[in-house]
Amino acid sequence: NASTPLGGTKQESAGSATHRVVEHLHYARFGGWTMRWLYFISGLMGTALMATGTVLYLVKRRQRGEAESGAATPLVSRCFEAINIAAISGCAVACIAYFYGNRLLPAELAARPPWEIRVFLLVWLATLVHASLRPRTAAWVEQWALGALLCAALPVLNYFTTGQHLLAYLARADWRCAGVELTSLGFGALLAFAAGTAGR
């Protein structure tokens, strides 16, 4: 049952109840911050599992020299590789670009939240175009490096747009905002490592 404005209750439809449960699961609105961090870490592990699987699949296909598409096989393989790069490193770049949109779009902009989503989608599309035009290894390195740079620069952008910084968050024990800054820096280091590894 759901509460009504007058303090009574009304019967909740099955659709509404399902939506409410799925929403709470999606946003981890239970178990406190411990559960949210476990969700976050589990999501990262699942992402790493899928990413490494798709990369290894394409590597093995290249090594076996399969020609399932006949004369078009090189082109098909190149398309798969570009999609793979955009889906993995490009998605990372688009995610951090979303935070840049959040900080750079004017606060008075009409329909601001949809524009933040458009920033994400447009940057993601740009990474696909980039991966299609650049050699495979160069595309991996450049997108990982761009993601690392954007992650490292996000706290600087936050300071210039809001006047807030990591030390101030820590001083007043604002762990949520500090966590965003620290996570951004941590991912910056991780993406820089990935860029170096891909380059080798």
C-alpha atoms as a PDB file:
ATOM      1  CA  ASN A   1       0.000   0.000   0.000  1.00  0.00           C
ATOM      2  CA  ALA A   2       1.136   3.583  -0.682  1.00  0.00           C
ATOM      3  CA  SER A   3       0.371   6.628   1.481  1.00  0.00           C
ATOM      4  CA  THR A   4      -2.083   9.254   0.248  1.00  0.00           C
ATOM      5  CA  PRO A   5      -1.830  13.022   0.868  1.00  0.00           C
ATOM      6  CA  LEU A   6      -4.617  12.715   3.486  1.00  0.00           C
ATOM      7  CA  GLY A   7      -2.729  10.149   5.520  1.00  0.00           C
ATOM      8  CA  GLY A   8      -4.664   7.125   4.336  1.00  0.00           C
ATOM      9  CA  THR A   9      -3.467   4.350   2.074  1.00  0.00           C
ATOM     10  CA  LYS A  10      -4.282   3.309  -1.447  1.00  0.00           C
ATOM     11  CA  GLN A  11      -3.686   0.072  -3.268  1.00  0.00           C
ATOM     12  CA  GLU A  12      -0.498   0.200  -5.357  1.00  0.00           C
ATOM     13  CA  SER A  13      -0.667  -1.287  -8.828  1.00  0.00           C
ATOM     14  CA  ALA A  14       1.620  -4.187  -9.716  1.00  0.00           C
ATOM     15  CA  GLY A  15       3.408  -2.031 -12.287  1.00  0.00           C
ATOM     16  CA  SER A  16       4.054   0.774  -9.808  1.00  0.00           C
ATOM     17  CA  ALA A  17       5.261  -1.672  -7.157  1.00  0.00           C
ATOM     18  CA  THR A  18       7.626  -3.330  -9.628  1.00  0.00           C
ATOM     19  CA  HIS A  19       8.969   0.046 -10.746  1.00  0.00           C
ATOM     20  CA  ARG A  20       9.535   1.115  -7.125  1.00  0.00           C
ATOM     21  CA  VAL A  21      11.403  -2.092  -6.264  1.00  0.00           C
ATOM     22  CA  VAL A  22      13.582  -1.990  -9.385  1.00  0.00           C
ATOM     23  CA  GLU A  23      14.351   1.692  -8.786  1.00  0.00           C
ATOM     24  CA  HIS A  24      15.442   0.997  -5.203  1.00  0.00           C
ATOM     25  CA  LEU A  25      17.618  -1.877  -6.411  1.00  0.00           C
ATOM     26  CA  HIS A  26      19.127   0.240  -9.183  1.00  0.00           C
ATOM     27  CA  TYR A  27      20.012   3.136  -6.873  1.00  0.00           C
ATOM     28  CA  ALA A  28      20.897   0.797  -3.958  1.00  0.00           C
ATOM     29  CA  ARG A  29      18.505   2.607  -1.645  1.00  0.00           C
ATOM     30  CA  PHE A  30      18.998   0.082   1.110  1.00  0.00           C
ATOM     31  CA  GLY A  31      21.901  -1.069   3.253  1.00  0.00           C
ATOM     32  CA  GLY A  32      23.539   2.376   3.465  1.00  0.00           C
ATOM     33  CA  TRP A  33      26.838   3.362   1.912  1.00  0.00           C
ATOM     34  CA  THR A  34      28.387  -0.052   2.503  1.00  0.00           C
ATOM     35  CA  MET A  35      25.879  -1.639   0.148  1.00  0.00           C
ATOM     36  CA  ARG A  36      26.319   1.139  -2.411  1.00  0.00           C
ATOM     37  CA  TRP A  37      30.080   0.662  -2.483  1.00  0.00           C
ATOM     38  CA  LEU A  38      29.616  -3.097  -2.849  1.00  0.00           C
ATOM     39  CA  TYR A  39      27.263  -2.432  -5.772  1.00  0.00           C
ATOM     40  CA  PHE A  40      29.826  -0.094  -7.277  1.00  0.00           C
ATOM     41  CA  ILE A  41      32.725  -2.546  -6.944  1.00  0.00           C
ATOM     42  CA  SER A  42      30.612  -5.414  -8.261  1.00  0.00           C
ATOM     43  CA  GLY A  43      29.650  -3.299 -11.247  1.00  0.00           C
ATOM     44  CA  LEU A  44      33.304  -2.564 -11.966  1.00  0.00           C
ATOM     45  CA  MET A  45      34.183  -6.245 -11.778  1.00  0.00           C
ATOM     46  CA  GLY A  46      31.336  -7.161 -14.134  1.00  0.00           C
ATOM     47  CA  THR A  47      32.406  -4.440 -16.562  1.00  0.00           C
ATOM     48  CA  ALA A  48      36.017  -5.670 -16.502  1.00  0.00           C
ATOM     49  CA  LEU A  49      34.829  -9.214 -17.143  1.00  0.00           C
ATOM     50  CA  MET A  50      32.811  -8.212 -20.224  1.00  0.00           C
ATOM     51  CA  ALA A  51      35.508  -5.871 -21.537  1.00  0.00           C
ATOM     52  CA  THR A  52      38.326  -8.398 -21.324  1.00  0.00           C
ATOM     53  CA  GLY A  53      36.080 -11.058 -22.867  1.00  0.00           C
ATOM     54  CA  THR A  54      35.271  -8.975 -25.937  1.00  0.00           C
ATOM     55  CA  VAL A  55      38.913  -7.949 -26.404  1.00  0.00           C
ATOM     56  CA  LEU A  56      40.179 -11.536 -26.126  1.00  0.00           C
ATOM     57  CA  TYR A  57      37.512 -12.707 -28.579  1.00  0.00           C
ATOM     58  CA  LEU A  58      38.695 -10.285 -31.258  1.00  0.00           C
ATOM     59  CA  VAL A  59      42.369 -11.088 -30.581  1.00  0.00           C
ATOM     60  CA  LYS A  60      41.749 -14.813 -31.054  1.00  0.00           C
ATOM     61  CA  ARG A  61      39.819 -14.188 -34.277  1.00  0.00           C
ATOM     62  CA  ARG A  62      42.745 -12.200 -35.655  1.00  0.00           C
ATOM     63  CA  GLN A  63      45.207 -14.916 -34.654  1.00  0.00           C
ATOM     64  CA  ARG A  64      43.145 -17.668 -36.315  1.00  0.00           C
ATOM     65  CA  GLY A  65      42.740 -15.586 -39.456  1.00  0.00           C
ATOM     66  CA  GLU A  66      39.053 -16.460 -39.810  1.00  0.00           C
ATOM     67  CA  ALA A  67      37.370 -15.265 -43.008  1.00  0.00           C
ATOM     68  CA  GLU A  68      33.692 -15.795 -42.227  1.00  0.00           C
ATOM     69  CA  SER A  69      32.678 -12.746 -44.291  1.00  0.00           C
ATOM     70  CA  GLY A  70      34.816 -13.539 -47.324  1.00  0.00           C
ATOM     71  CA  ALA A  71      36.486 -10.540 -48.921  1.00  0.00           C
ATOM     72  CA  ALA A  72      34.691  -8.207 -46.512  1.00  0.00           C
ATOM     73  CA  THR A  73      36.254  -9.879 -43.448  1.00  0.00           C
ATOM     74  CA  PRO A  74      38.923  -7.156 -42.857  1.00  0.00           C
ATOM     75  CA  LEU A  75      36.265  -4.431 -42.998  1.00  0.00           C
ATOM     76  CA  VAL A  76      33.904  -6.355 -40.719  1.00  0.00           C
ATOM     77  CA  SER A  77      36.705  -6.991 -38.237  1.00  0.00           C
ATOM     78  CA  ARG A  78      37.661  -3.317 -38.315  1.00  0.00           C
ATOM     79  CA  CYS A  79      34.059  -2.337 -37.563  1.00  0.00           C
ATOM     80  CA  PHE A  80      33.925  -4.778 -34.655  1.00  0.00           C
ATOM     81  CA  GLU A  81      37.175  -3.401 -33.274  1.00  0.00           C
ATOM     82  CA  ALA A  82      35.970   0.210 -33.533  1.00  0.00           C
ATOM     83  CA  ILE A  83      32.716  -0.677 -31.762  1.00  0.00           C
ATOM     84  CA  ASN A  84      34.706  -2.536 -29.113  1.00  0.00           C
ATOM     85  CA  ILE A  85      36.965   0.449 -28.459  1.00  0.00           C
ATOM     86  CA  ALA A  86      34.025   2.859 -28.252  1.00  0.00           C
ATOM     87  CA  ALA A  87      32.071   0.490 -25.991  1.00  0.00           C
ATOM     88  CA  ILE A  88      34.937   0.187 -23.499  1.00  0.00           C
ATOM     89  CA  SER A  89      37.338   3.132 -23.497  1.00  0.00           C
ATOM     90  CA  GLY A  90      34.843   5.408 -25.267  1.00  0.00           C
ATOM     91  CA  CYS A  91      32.198   4.769 -22.636  1.00  0.00           C
ATOM     92  CA  ALA A  92      34.697   5.719 -19.925  1.00  0.00           C
ATOM     93  CA  VAL A  93      35.436   9.000 -21.718  1.00  0.00           C
ATOM     94  CA  ALA A  94      31.712   9.696 -22.170  1.00  0.00           C
ATOM     95  CA  CYS A  95      31.006   9.032 -18.484  1.00  0.00           C
ATOM     96  CA  ILE A  96      33.553  11.585 -17.318  1.00  0.00           C
ATOM     97  CA  ALA A  97      32.343  13.998 -20.021  1.00  0.00           C
ATOM     98  CA  TYR A  98      28.906  13.794 -18.392  1.00  0.00           C
ATOM     99  CA  PHE A  99      30.405  15.325 -15.229  1.00  0.00           C
ATOM    100  CA  TYR A 100      31.982  18.065 -17.334  1.00  0.00           C
ATOM    101  CA  GLY A 101      28.578  18.812 -18.820  1.00  0.00           C
ATOM    102  CA  ASN A 102      27.146  18.966 -15.319  1.00  0.00           C
ATOM    103  CA  ARG A 103      29.669  21.624 -14.327  1.00  0.00           C
ATOM    104  CA  LEU A 104      29.916  23.624 -17.555  1.00  0.00           C
ATOM    105  CA  LEU A 105      26.321  23.881 -18.762  1.00  0.00           C
ATOM    106  CA  PRO A 106      24.659  27.101 -17.515  1.00  0.00           C
ATOM    107  CA  ALA A 107      22.462  26.583 -14.453  1.00  0.00           C
ATOM    108  CA  GLU A 108      19.662  28.598 -16.083  1.00  0.00           C
ATOM    109  CA  LEU A 109      19.679  26.476 -19.242  1.00  0.00           C
ATOM    110  CA  ALA A 110      16.223  25.135 -20.048  1.00  0.00           C
ATOM    111  CA  ALA A 111      16.018  21.327 -19.988  1.00  0.00           C
ATOM    112  CA  ARG A 112      19.482  21.131 -18.432  1.00  0.00           C
ATOM    113  CA  PRO A 113      19.343  17.417 -17.405  1.00  0.00           C
ATOM    114  CA  PRO A 114      18.550  16.262 -20.974  1.00  0.00           C
ATOM    115  CA  TRP A 115      21.494  18.336 -22.220  1.00  0.00           C
ATOM    116  CA  GLU A 116      23.803  16.562 -19.769  1.00  0.00           C
ATOM    117  CA  ILE A 117      22.646  13.262 -21.271  1.00  0.00           C
ATOM    118  CA  ARG A 118      23.212  14.661 -24.777  1.00  0.00           C
ATOM    119  CA  VAL A 119      26.782  15.536 -23.813  1.00  0.00           C
ATOM    120  CA  PHE A 120      27.329  11.921 -22.787  1.00  0.00           C
ATOM    121  CA  LEU A 121      25.823  10.545 -26.015  1.00  0.00           C
ATOM    122  CA  LEU A 122      27.597  13.006 -28.327  1.00  0.00           C
ATOM    123  CA  VAL A 123      30.988  12.317 -26.755  1.00  0.00           C
ATOM    124  CA  TRP A 124      30.333   8.581 -26.944  1.00  0.00           C
ATOM    125  CA  LEU A 125      29.486   8.938 -30.646  1.00  0.00           C
ATOM    126  CA  ALA A 126      32.673  10.966 -31.160  1.00  0.00           C
ATOM    127  CA  THR A 127      34.750   8.140 -29.635  1.00  0.00           C
ATOM    128  CA  LEU A 128      33.208   5.714 -32.139  1.00  0.00           C
ATOM    129  CA  VAL A 129      34.119   8.003 -35.031  1.00  0.00           C
ATOM    130  CA  HIS A 130      37.625   8.396 -33.581  1.00  0.00           C
ATOM    131  CA  ALA A 131      38.045   4.628 -33.202  1.00  0.00           C
ATOM    132  CA  SER A 132      36.924   4.161 -36.815  1.00  0.00           C
ATOM    133  CA  LEU A 133      39.492   6.598 -38.167  1.00  0.00           C
ATOM    134  CA  ARG A 134      42.551   5.793 -36.060  1.00  0.00           C
ATOM    135  CA  PRO A 135      44.724   2.640 -36.022  1.00  0.00           C
ATOM    136  CA  ARG A 136      43.564   0.139 -33.417  1.00  0.00           C
ATOM    137  CA  THR A 137      46.394   0.564 -30.890  1.00  0.00           C
ATOM    138  CA  ALA A 138      46.491   4.341 -31.288  1.00  0.00           C
ATOM    139  CA  ALA A 139      42.730   4.559 -30.675  1.00  0.00           C
ATOM    140  CA  TRP A 140      43.004   2.562 -27.434  1.00  0.00           C
ATOM    141  CA  VAL A 141      45.924   4.639 -26.159  1.00  0.00           C
ATOM    142  CA  GLU A 142      44.437   8.005 -27.110  1.00  0.00           C
ATOM    143  CA  GLN A 143      41.024   7.309 -25.590  1.00  0.00           C
ATOM    144  CA  TRP A 144      42.451   5.900 -22.360  1.00  0.00           C
ATOM    145  CA  ALA A 145      44.819   8.877 -22.134  1.00  0.00           C
ATOM    146  CA  LEU A 146      41.990  11.346 -22.766  1.00  0.00           C
ATOM    147  CA  GLY A 147      39.907   9.691 -20.055  1.00  0.00           C
ATOM    148  CA  ALA A 148      42.839   9.884 -17.627  1.00  0.00           C
ATOM    149  CA  LEU A 149      43.346  13.577 -18.384  1.00  0.00           C
ATOM    150  CA  LEU A 150      39.650  14.389 -17.949  1.00  0.00           C
ATOM    151  CA  CYS A 151      39.492  12.490 -14.650  1.00  0.00           C
ATOM    152  CA  ALA A 152      42.578  14.221 -13.284  1.00  0.00           C
ATOM    153  CA  ALA A 153      41.317  17.658 -14.345  1.00  0.00           C
ATOM    154  CA  LEU A 154      37.782  17.257 -12.951  1.00  0.00           C
ATOM    155  CA  PRO A 155      38.695  18.431  -9.406  1.00  0.00           C
ATOM    156  CA  VAL A 156      40.393  21.482 -10.960  1.00  0.00           C
ATOM    157  CA  LEU A 157      37.288  22.240 -13.012  1.00  0.00           C
ATOM    158  CA  ASN A 158      35.148  21.807  -9.911  1.00  0.00           C
ATOM    159  CA  TYR A 159      37.249  24.391  -8.079  1.00  0.00           C
ATOM    160  CA  PHE A 160      36.939  26.972 -10.860  1.00  0.00           C
ATOM    161  CA  THR A 161      33.193  26.425 -11.328  1.00  0.00           C
ATOM    162  CA  THR A 162      32.060  26.017  -7.700  1.00  0.00           C
ATOM    163  CA  GLY A 163      34.939  27.346  -5.582  1.00  0.00           C
ATOM    164  CA  GLN A 164      35.023  24.023  -3.731  1.00  0.00           C
ATOM    165  CA  HIS A 165      37.965  21.614  -3.534  1.00  0.00           C
ATOM    166  CA  LEU A 166      38.968  18.284  -2.047  1.00  0.00           C
ATOM    167  CA  LEU A 167      40.699  19.671   1.059  1.00  0.00           C
ATOM    168  CA  ALA A 168      37.625  21.740   1.915  1.00  0.00           C
ATOM    169  CA  TYR A 169      35.400  18.680   1.564  1.00  0.00           C
ATOM    170  CA  LEU A 170      37.684  16.663   3.828  1.00  0.00           C
ATOM    171  CA  ALA A 171      37.921  19.469   6.379  1.00  0.00           C
ATOM    172  CA  ARG A 172      34.159  19.535   6.867  1.00  0.00           C
ATOM    173  CA  ALA A 173      33.819  15.741   6.531  1.00  0.00           C
ATOM    174  CA  ASP A 174      31.726  15.997   3.379  1.00  0.00           C
ATOM    175  CA  TRP A 175      32.488  12.408   2.370  1.00  0.00           C
ATOM    176  CA  ARG A 176      30.082  12.284  -0.545  1.00  0.00           C
ATOM    177  CA  CYS A 177      31.704  15.186  -2.417  1.00  0.00           C
ATOM    178  CA  ALA A 178      35.179  14.115  -1.339  1.00  0.00           C
ATOM    179  CA  GLY A 179      34.406  10.631  -2.591  1.00  0.00           C
ATOM    180  CA  VAL A 180      33.559  11.990  -6.053  1.00  0.00           C
ATOM    181  CA  GLU A 181      36.879  13.855  -6.211  1.00  0.00           C
ATOM    182  CA  LEU A 182      38.929  10.919  -4.920  1.00  0.00           C
ATOM    183  CA  THR A 183      37.175   8.444  -7.212  1.00  0.00           C
ATOM    184  CA  SER A 184      37.849  10.717 -10.183  1.00  0.00           C
ATOM    185  CA  LEU A 185      41.546  10.899  -9.312  1.00  0.00           C
ATOM    186  CA  GLY A 186      41.680   7.145  -8.739  1.00  0.00           C
ATOM    187  CA  PHE A 187      40.105   6.422 -12.109  1.00  0.00           C
ATOM    188  CA  GLY A 188      42.480   8.908 -13.704  1.00  0.00           C
ATOM    189  CA  ALA A 189      45.422   6.878 -12.420  1.00  0.00           C
ATOM    190  CA  LEU A 190      43.775   3.634 -13.547  1.00  0.00           C
ATOM    191  CA  LEU A 191      43.104   4.964 -17.056  1.00  0.00           C
ATOM    192  CA  ALA A 192      46.656   6.310 -17.323  1.00  0.00           C
ATOM    193  CA  PHE A 193      47.905   2.824 -16.457  1.00  0.00           C
ATOM    194  CA  ALA A 194      45.599   1.362 -19.120  1.00  0.00           C
ATOM    195  CA  ALA A 195      46.929   3.834 -21.704  1.00  0.00           C
ATOM    196  CA  GLY A 196      50.506   2.885 -20.893  1.00  0.00           C
ATOM    197  CA  THR A 197      49.705  -0.820 -21.029  1.00  0.00           C
ATOM    198  CA  ALA A 198      47.880  -0.493 -24.358  1.00  0.00           C
ATOM    199  CA  GLY A 199      50.816   1.444 -25.772  1.00  0.00           C
ATOM    200  CA  ARG A 200      53.200  -1.377 -24.888  1.00  0.00           C
END
